[in-house]
């Protein structure tokens, strides 16, 4: 058989396998059960910070997983979210510790990371961990001394670069942070 016919035959086989794989992946995605909808069950405002809890919807109630966070969203002049800061509690060696999660919009220039500055400390850079449809994420586990500094400070300054390399800076107001975090810890 001539070499050209073998190449055409191999190309046809590869295309068929590729189409088959895409078809199976599409069927697998459509056969998955949808994620349960989260229903907000509690909300309380602490100046600049909001405490809120959610439960999976469609269940019986008490035995369902409940997740709580304190958060603050910062929007630009057009009302578009430019930064979302969340603090939740995570289990580490049987102890619940606060974790700060900062989410910035898609289109952020990722290689330079996110700069975090809490006076009087020097600024430091945190690499982005992942992006999804909500934005690009960093996670920072907060040591006790950092939590105390956050409780005593006025702002936490965040900066990152947009895809055009333009530096953008935002300040997360820390008014109410201490009370919001205490509420989160006491109700968990």
C-alpha atoms as a PDB file:
ATOM      1  CA  UNK A   1       0.000   0.000   0.000  1.00  0.00           C
ATOM      2  CA  UNK A   2       1.431   3.424  -0.919  1.00  0.00           C
ATOM      3  CA  UNK A   3       2.600   5.673   1.910  1.00  0.00           C
ATOM      4  CA  UNK A   4       0.029   8.413   1.126  1.00  0.00           C
ATOM      5  CA  UNK A   5      -2.876   5.964   1.585  1.00  0.00           C
ATOM      6  CA  UNK A   6      -1.462   4.836   4.948  1.00  0.00           C
ATOM      7  CA  UNK A   7      -1.201   8.466   6.136  1.00  0.00           C
ATOM      8  CA  UNK A   8      -4.795   9.168   5.052  1.00  0.00           C
ATOM      9  CA  UNK A   9      -5.994   6.014   6.771  1.00  0.00           C
ATOM     10  CA  UNK A  10      -4.152   6.887  10.007  1.00  0.00           C
ATOM     11  CA  UNK A  11      -5.526  10.441   9.899  1.00  0.00           C
ATOM     12  CA  UNK A  12      -9.056   9.104   9.476  1.00  0.00           C
ATOM     13  CA  UNK A  13      -8.608   6.728  12.438  1.00  0.00           C
ATOM     14  CA  UNK A  14      -7.224   9.495  14.659  1.00  0.00           C
ATOM     15  CA  UNK A  15     -10.112  11.813  13.718  1.00  0.00           C
ATOM     16  CA  UNK A  16     -12.668   9.101  14.485  1.00  0.00           C
ATOM     17  CA  UNK A  17     -11.050   8.395  17.850  1.00  0.00           C
ATOM     18  CA  UNK A  18     -10.982  12.112  18.655  1.00  0.00           C
ATOM     19  CA  UNK A  19     -14.641  12.584  17.763  1.00  0.00           C
ATOM     20  CA  UNK A  20     -15.525   9.503  19.796  1.00  0.00           C
ATOM     21  CA  UNK A  21     -13.618  10.816  22.830  1.00  0.00           C
ATOM     22  CA  UNK A  22     -15.350  14.200  22.597  1.00  0.00           C
ATOM     23  CA  UNK A  23     -18.722  12.489  22.325  1.00  0.00           C
ATOM     24  CA  UNK A  24     -18.035  10.310  25.394  1.00  0.00           C
ATOM     25  CA  UNK A  25     -16.836  13.320  27.401  1.00  0.00           C
ATOM     26  CA  UNK A  26     -19.974  15.265  26.465  1.00  0.00           C
ATOM     27  CA  UNK A  27     -22.188  12.345  27.507  1.00  0.00           C
ATOM     28  CA  UNK A  28     -20.325  11.958  30.791  1.00  0.00           C
ATOM     29  CA  UNK A  29     -20.763  15.668  31.553  1.00  0.00           C
ATOM     30  CA  UNK A  30     -24.492  15.494  30.810  1.00  0.00           C
ATOM     31  CA  UNK A  31     -24.954  12.382  32.970  1.00  0.00           C
ATOM     32  CA  UNK A  32     -23.480  14.002  36.077  1.00  0.00           C
ATOM     33  CA  UNK A  33     -25.880  15.124  38.750  1.00  0.00           C
ATOM     34  CA  UNK A  34     -25.925  18.888  39.144  1.00  0.00           C
ATOM     35  CA  UNK A  35     -24.245  20.430  42.163  1.00  0.00           C
ATOM     36  CA  UNK A  36     -26.781  21.182  44.884  1.00  0.00           C
ATOM     37  CA  UNK A  37     -27.814  24.810  44.980  1.00  0.00           C
ATOM     38  CA  UNK A  38     -26.508  26.742  47.976  1.00  0.00           C
ATOM     39  CA  UNK A  39     -29.140  28.633  49.933  1.00  0.00           C
ATOM     40  CA  UNK A  40     -28.142  31.522  52.172  1.00  0.00           C
ATOM     41  CA  UNK A  41     -29.458  30.826  55.676  1.00  0.00           C
ATOM     42  CA  UNK A  42     -27.844  33.610  57.702  1.00  0.00           C
ATOM     43  CA  UNK A  43     -26.309  37.044  57.092  1.00  0.00           C
ATOM     44  CA  UNK A  44     -25.029  39.740  59.407  1.00  0.00           C
ATOM     45  CA  UNK A  45     -23.211  42.991  58.620  1.00  0.00           C
ATOM     46  CA  UNK A  46     -20.132  44.158  60.579  1.00  0.00           C
ATOM     47  CA  UNK A  47     -19.291  47.569  59.103  1.00  0.00           C
ATOM     48  CA  UNK A  48     -17.189  46.737  55.988  1.00  0.00           C
ATOM     49  CA  UNK A  49     -17.431  42.967  56.468  1.00  0.00           C
ATOM     50  CA  UNK A  50     -20.345  40.575  55.984  1.00  0.00           C
ATOM     51  CA  UNK A  51     -20.827  37.290  57.841  1.00  0.00           C
ATOM     52  CA  UNK A  52     -22.931  34.765  55.889  1.00  0.00           C
ATOM     53  CA  UNK A  53     -23.744  31.059  55.943  1.00  0.00           C
ATOM     54  CA  UNK A  54     -25.079  28.754  53.235  1.00  0.00           C
ATOM     55  CA  UNK A  55     -26.565  25.259  53.137  1.00  0.00           C
ATOM     56  CA  UNK A  56     -27.147  22.877  50.274  1.00  0.00           C
ATOM     57  CA  UNK A  57     -30.687  23.304  48.995  1.00  0.00           C
ATOM     58  CA  UNK A  58     -33.221  20.568  48.477  1.00  0.00           C
ATOM     59  CA  UNK A  59     -32.497  18.620  51.639  1.00  0.00           C
ATOM     60  CA  UNK A  60     -33.984  18.136  55.062  1.00  0.00           C
ATOM     61  CA  UNK A  61     -32.053  20.844  56.893  1.00  0.00           C
ATOM     62  CA  UNK A  62     -30.247  20.027  60.135  1.00  0.00           C
ATOM     63  CA  UNK A  63     -27.933  17.265  58.883  1.00  0.00           C
ATOM     64  CA  UNK A  64     -26.808  19.223  55.807  1.00  0.00           C
ATOM     65  CA  UNK A  65     -23.372  20.729  55.450  1.00  0.00           C
ATOM     66  CA  UNK A  66     -23.333  24.394  56.441  1.00  0.00           C
ATOM     67  CA  UNK A  67     -20.536  26.683  55.283  1.00  0.00           C
ATOM     68  CA  UNK A  68     -19.889  30.139  56.711  1.00  0.00           C
ATOM     69  CA  UNK A  69     -17.530  32.934  55.715  1.00  0.00           C
ATOM     70  CA  UNK A  70     -16.854  36.586  56.330  1.00  0.00           C
ATOM     71  CA  UNK A  71     -16.251  38.589  53.196  1.00  0.00           C
ATOM     72  CA  UNK A  72     -15.922  41.939  51.508  1.00  0.00           C
ATOM     73  CA  UNK A  73     -16.369  42.773  47.830  1.00  0.00           C
ATOM     74  CA  UNK A  74     -14.767  45.781  46.215  1.00  0.00           C
ATOM     75  CA  UNK A  75     -16.230  47.188  43.013  1.00  0.00           C
ATOM     76  CA  UNK A  76     -14.938  49.776  40.573  1.00  0.00           C
ATOM     77  CA  UNK A  77     -16.766  52.974  39.552  1.00  0.00           C
ATOM     78  CA  UNK A  78     -18.885  50.941  37.096  1.00  0.00           C
ATOM     79  CA  UNK A  79     -20.038  48.475  39.768  1.00  0.00           C
ATOM     80  CA  UNK A  80     -17.832  45.646  38.460  1.00  0.00           C
ATOM     81  CA  UNK A  81     -16.217  43.376  41.076  1.00  0.00           C
ATOM     82  CA  UNK A  82     -12.465  43.986  41.126  1.00  0.00           C
ATOM     83  CA  UNK A  83     -11.607  42.160  44.341  1.00  0.00           C
ATOM     84  CA  UNK A  84     -13.350  39.714  46.656  1.00  0.00           C
ATOM     85  CA  UNK A  85     -11.799  38.909  50.036  1.00  0.00           C
ATOM     86  CA  UNK A  86     -13.169  35.961  52.031  1.00  0.00           C
ATOM     87  CA  UNK A  87     -12.134  34.465  55.336  1.00  0.00           C
ATOM     88  CA  UNK A  88     -13.273  30.965  56.254  1.00  0.00           C
ATOM     89  CA  UNK A  89     -12.152  28.434  58.828  1.00  0.00           C
ATOM     90  CA  UNK A  90     -10.270  25.325  57.757  1.00  0.00           C
ATOM     91  CA  UNK A  91      -9.313  22.301  59.841  1.00  0.00           C
ATOM     92  CA  UNK A  92      -5.593  21.710  60.446  1.00  0.00           C
ATOM     93  CA  UNK A  93      -4.532  18.999  62.898  1.00  0.00           C
ATOM     94  CA  UNK A  94      -7.870  19.197  64.710  1.00  0.00           C
ATOM     95  CA  UNK A  95      -7.762  22.992  65.040  1.00  0.00           C
ATOM     96  CA  UNK A  96      -9.866  25.450  63.033  1.00  0.00           C
ATOM     97  CA  UNK A  97      -7.684  28.170  61.496  1.00  0.00           C
ATOM     98  CA  UNK A  98      -8.677  31.251  59.465  1.00  0.00           C
ATOM     99  CA  UNK A  99      -7.829  31.267  55.764  1.00  0.00           C
ATOM    100  CA  UNK A 100      -7.889  34.409  53.659  1.00  0.00           C
ATOM    101  CA  UNK A 101      -8.921  33.910  50.058  1.00  0.00           C
ATOM    102  CA  UNK A 102      -8.568  36.789  47.604  1.00  0.00           C
ATOM    103  CA  UNK A 103     -10.243  36.591  44.208  1.00  0.00           C
ATOM    104  CA  UNK A 104      -9.446  39.008  41.383  1.00  0.00           C
ATOM    105  CA  UNK A 105     -11.016  39.158  37.899  1.00  0.00           C
ATOM    106  CA  UNK A 106     -10.085  36.964  34.979  1.00  0.00           C
ATOM    107  CA  UNK A 107      -7.664  38.779  32.712  1.00  0.00           C
ATOM    108  CA  UNK A 108      -5.192  39.381  35.532  1.00  0.00           C
ATOM    109  CA  UNK A 109      -1.520  39.015  34.574  1.00  0.00           C
ATOM    110  CA  UNK A 110      -0.742  35.876  36.578  1.00  0.00           C
ATOM    111  CA  UNK A 111       3.080  35.516  36.500  1.00  0.00           C
ATOM    112  CA  UNK A 112       3.659  38.469  38.846  1.00  0.00           C
ATOM    113  CA  UNK A 113       1.210  37.229  41.498  1.00  0.00           C
ATOM    114  CA  UNK A 114      -0.719  39.309  43.995  1.00  0.00           C
ATOM    115  CA  UNK A 115       1.006  41.802  46.288  1.00  0.00           C
ATOM    116  CA  UNK A 116      -0.235  41.992  49.884  1.00  0.00           C
ATOM    117  CA  UNK A 117       0.699  44.801  52.275  1.00  0.00           C
ATOM    118  CA  UNK A 118      -0.315  45.132  55.914  1.00  0.00           C
ATOM    119  CA  UNK A 119       1.454  48.029  57.645  1.00  0.00           C
ATOM    120  CA  UNK A 120       4.000  48.120  59.223  1.00  0.00           C
ATOM    121  CA  UNK A 121       5.169  44.918  57.527  1.00  0.00           C
ATOM    122  CA  UNK A 122       6.862  44.910  54.130  1.00  0.00           C
ATOM    123  CA  UNK A 123       4.694  43.961  51.150  1.00  0.00           C
ATOM    124  CA  UNK A 124       4.989  40.382  49.923  1.00  0.00           C
ATOM    125  CA  UNK A 125       3.861  38.576  46.792  1.00  0.00           C
ATOM    126  CA  UNK A 126       1.652  35.500  46.705  1.00  0.00           C
ATOM    127  CA  UNK A 127       1.426  33.380  43.540  1.00  0.00           C
ATOM    128  CA  UNK A 128      -2.016  32.778  42.068  1.00  0.00           C
ATOM    129  CA  UNK A 129      -3.125  29.214  42.677  1.00  0.00           C
ATOM    130  CA  UNK A 130      -5.879  28.766  40.100  1.00  0.00           C
ATOM    131  CA  UNK A 131      -8.526  30.525  38.052  1.00  0.00           C
ATOM    132  CA  UNK A 132     -12.100  29.540  37.280  1.00  0.00           C
ATOM    133  CA  UNK A 133     -15.212  31.351  36.045  1.00  0.00           C
ATOM    134  CA  UNK A 134     -15.327  33.330  39.323  1.00  0.00           C
ATOM    135  CA  UNK A 135     -11.791  34.757  38.899  1.00  0.00           C
ATOM    136  CA  UNK A 136      -8.188  34.049  39.932  1.00  0.00           C
ATOM    137  CA  UNK A 137      -7.487  32.902  43.487  1.00  0.00           C
ATOM    138  CA  UNK A 138      -4.867  33.071  46.209  1.00  0.00           C
ATOM    139  CA  UNK A 139      -5.218  31.436  49.625  1.00  0.00           C
ATOM    140  CA  UNK A 140      -3.324  32.462  52.747  1.00  0.00           C
ATOM    141  CA  UNK A 141      -3.577  30.623  56.053  1.00  0.00           C
ATOM    142  CA  UNK A 142      -3.506  33.294  58.757  1.00  0.00           C
ATOM    143  CA  UNK A 143      -1.248  32.831  61.783  1.00  0.00           C
ATOM    144  CA  UNK A 144      -2.423  34.245  65.127  1.00  0.00           C
ATOM    145  CA  UNK A 145      -0.054  37.225  64.947  1.00  0.00           C
ATOM    146  CA  UNK A 146      -1.330  38.141  61.477  1.00  0.00           C
ATOM    147  CA  UNK A 147      -4.941  37.917  62.680  1.00  0.00           C
ATOM    148  CA  UNK A 148      -4.068  40.288  65.541  1.00  0.00           C
ATOM    149  CA  UNK A 149      -2.448  42.726  63.091  1.00  0.00           C
ATOM    150  CA  UNK A 150      -5.531  42.593  60.854  1.00  0.00           C
ATOM    151  CA  UNK A 151      -7.774  43.300  63.849  1.00  0.00           C
ATOM    152  CA  UNK A 152      -5.679  46.355  64.784  1.00  0.00           C
ATOM    153  CA  UNK A 153      -5.138  47.783  61.283  1.00  0.00           C
ATOM    154  CA  UNK A 154      -7.297  50.059  59.155  1.00  0.00           C
ATOM    155  CA  UNK A 155      -6.643  48.522  55.721  1.00  0.00           C
ATOM    156  CA  UNK A 156      -5.077  45.585  53.943  1.00  0.00           C
ATOM    157  CA  UNK A 157      -3.581  46.793  50.659  1.00  0.00           C
ATOM    158  CA  UNK A 158      -3.743  44.510  47.620  1.00  0.00           C
ATOM    159  CA  UNK A 159      -2.252  45.095  44.177  1.00  0.00           C
ATOM    160  CA  UNK A 160      -1.991  43.086  40.982  1.00  0.00           C
ATOM    161  CA  UNK A 161      -1.391  43.669  37.314  1.00  0.00           C
ATOM    162  CA  UNK A 162      -4.032  43.506  34.647  1.00  0.00           C
ATOM    163  CA  UNK A 163      -3.416  41.705  31.360  1.00  0.00           C
ATOM    164  CA  UNK A 164      -2.025  44.941  29.846  1.00  0.00           C
ATOM    165  CA  UNK A 165       0.505  44.971  32.763  1.00  0.00           C
ATOM    166  CA  UNK A 166      -1.187  48.026  34.341  1.00  0.00           C
ATOM    167  CA  UNK A 167      -0.817  47.985  38.136  1.00  0.00           C
ATOM    168  CA  UNK A 168      -4.066  48.263  40.079  1.00  0.00           C
ATOM    169  CA  UNK A 169      -4.222  48.824  43.824  1.00  0.00           C
ATOM    170  CA  UNK A 170      -7.113  48.365  46.226  1.00  0.00           C
ATOM    171  CA  UNK A 171      -7.477  48.718  49.968  1.00  0.00           C
ATOM    172  CA  UNK A 172      -9.626  46.267  51.890  1.00  0.00           C
ATOM    173  CA  UNK A 173     -11.189  48.165  54.785  1.00  0.00           C
ATOM    174  CA  UNK A 174     -10.719  46.319  58.053  1.00  0.00           C
ATOM    175  CA  UNK A 175     -13.476  48.141  59.978  1.00  0.00           C
ATOM    176  CA  UNK A 176     -15.625  45.420  61.510  1.00  0.00           C
ATOM    177  CA  UNK A 177     -13.151  42.637  60.679  1.00  0.00           C
ATOM    178  CA  UNK A 178     -12.516  41.767  64.340  1.00  0.00           C
ATOM    179  CA  UNK A 179     -16.231  41.420  65.161  1.00  0.00           C
ATOM    180  CA  UNK A 180     -16.978  39.529  61.926  1.00  0.00           C
ATOM    181  CA  UNK A 181     -14.155  37.052  62.537  1.00  0.00           C
ATOM    182  CA  UNK A 182     -15.235  36.571  66.166  1.00  0.00           C
ATOM    183  CA  UNK A 183     -18.766  35.803  64.949  1.00  0.00           C
ATOM    184  CA  UNK A 184     -17.375  33.267  62.459  1.00  0.00           C
ATOM    185  CA  UNK A 185     -15.229  31.563  65.110  1.00  0.00           C
ATOM    186  CA  UNK A 186     -17.978  31.511  67.754  1.00  0.00           C
ATOM    187  CA  UNK A 187     -20.639  30.075  65.430  1.00  0.00           C
ATOM    188  CA  UNK A 188     -18.457  27.367  63.888  1.00  0.00           C
END
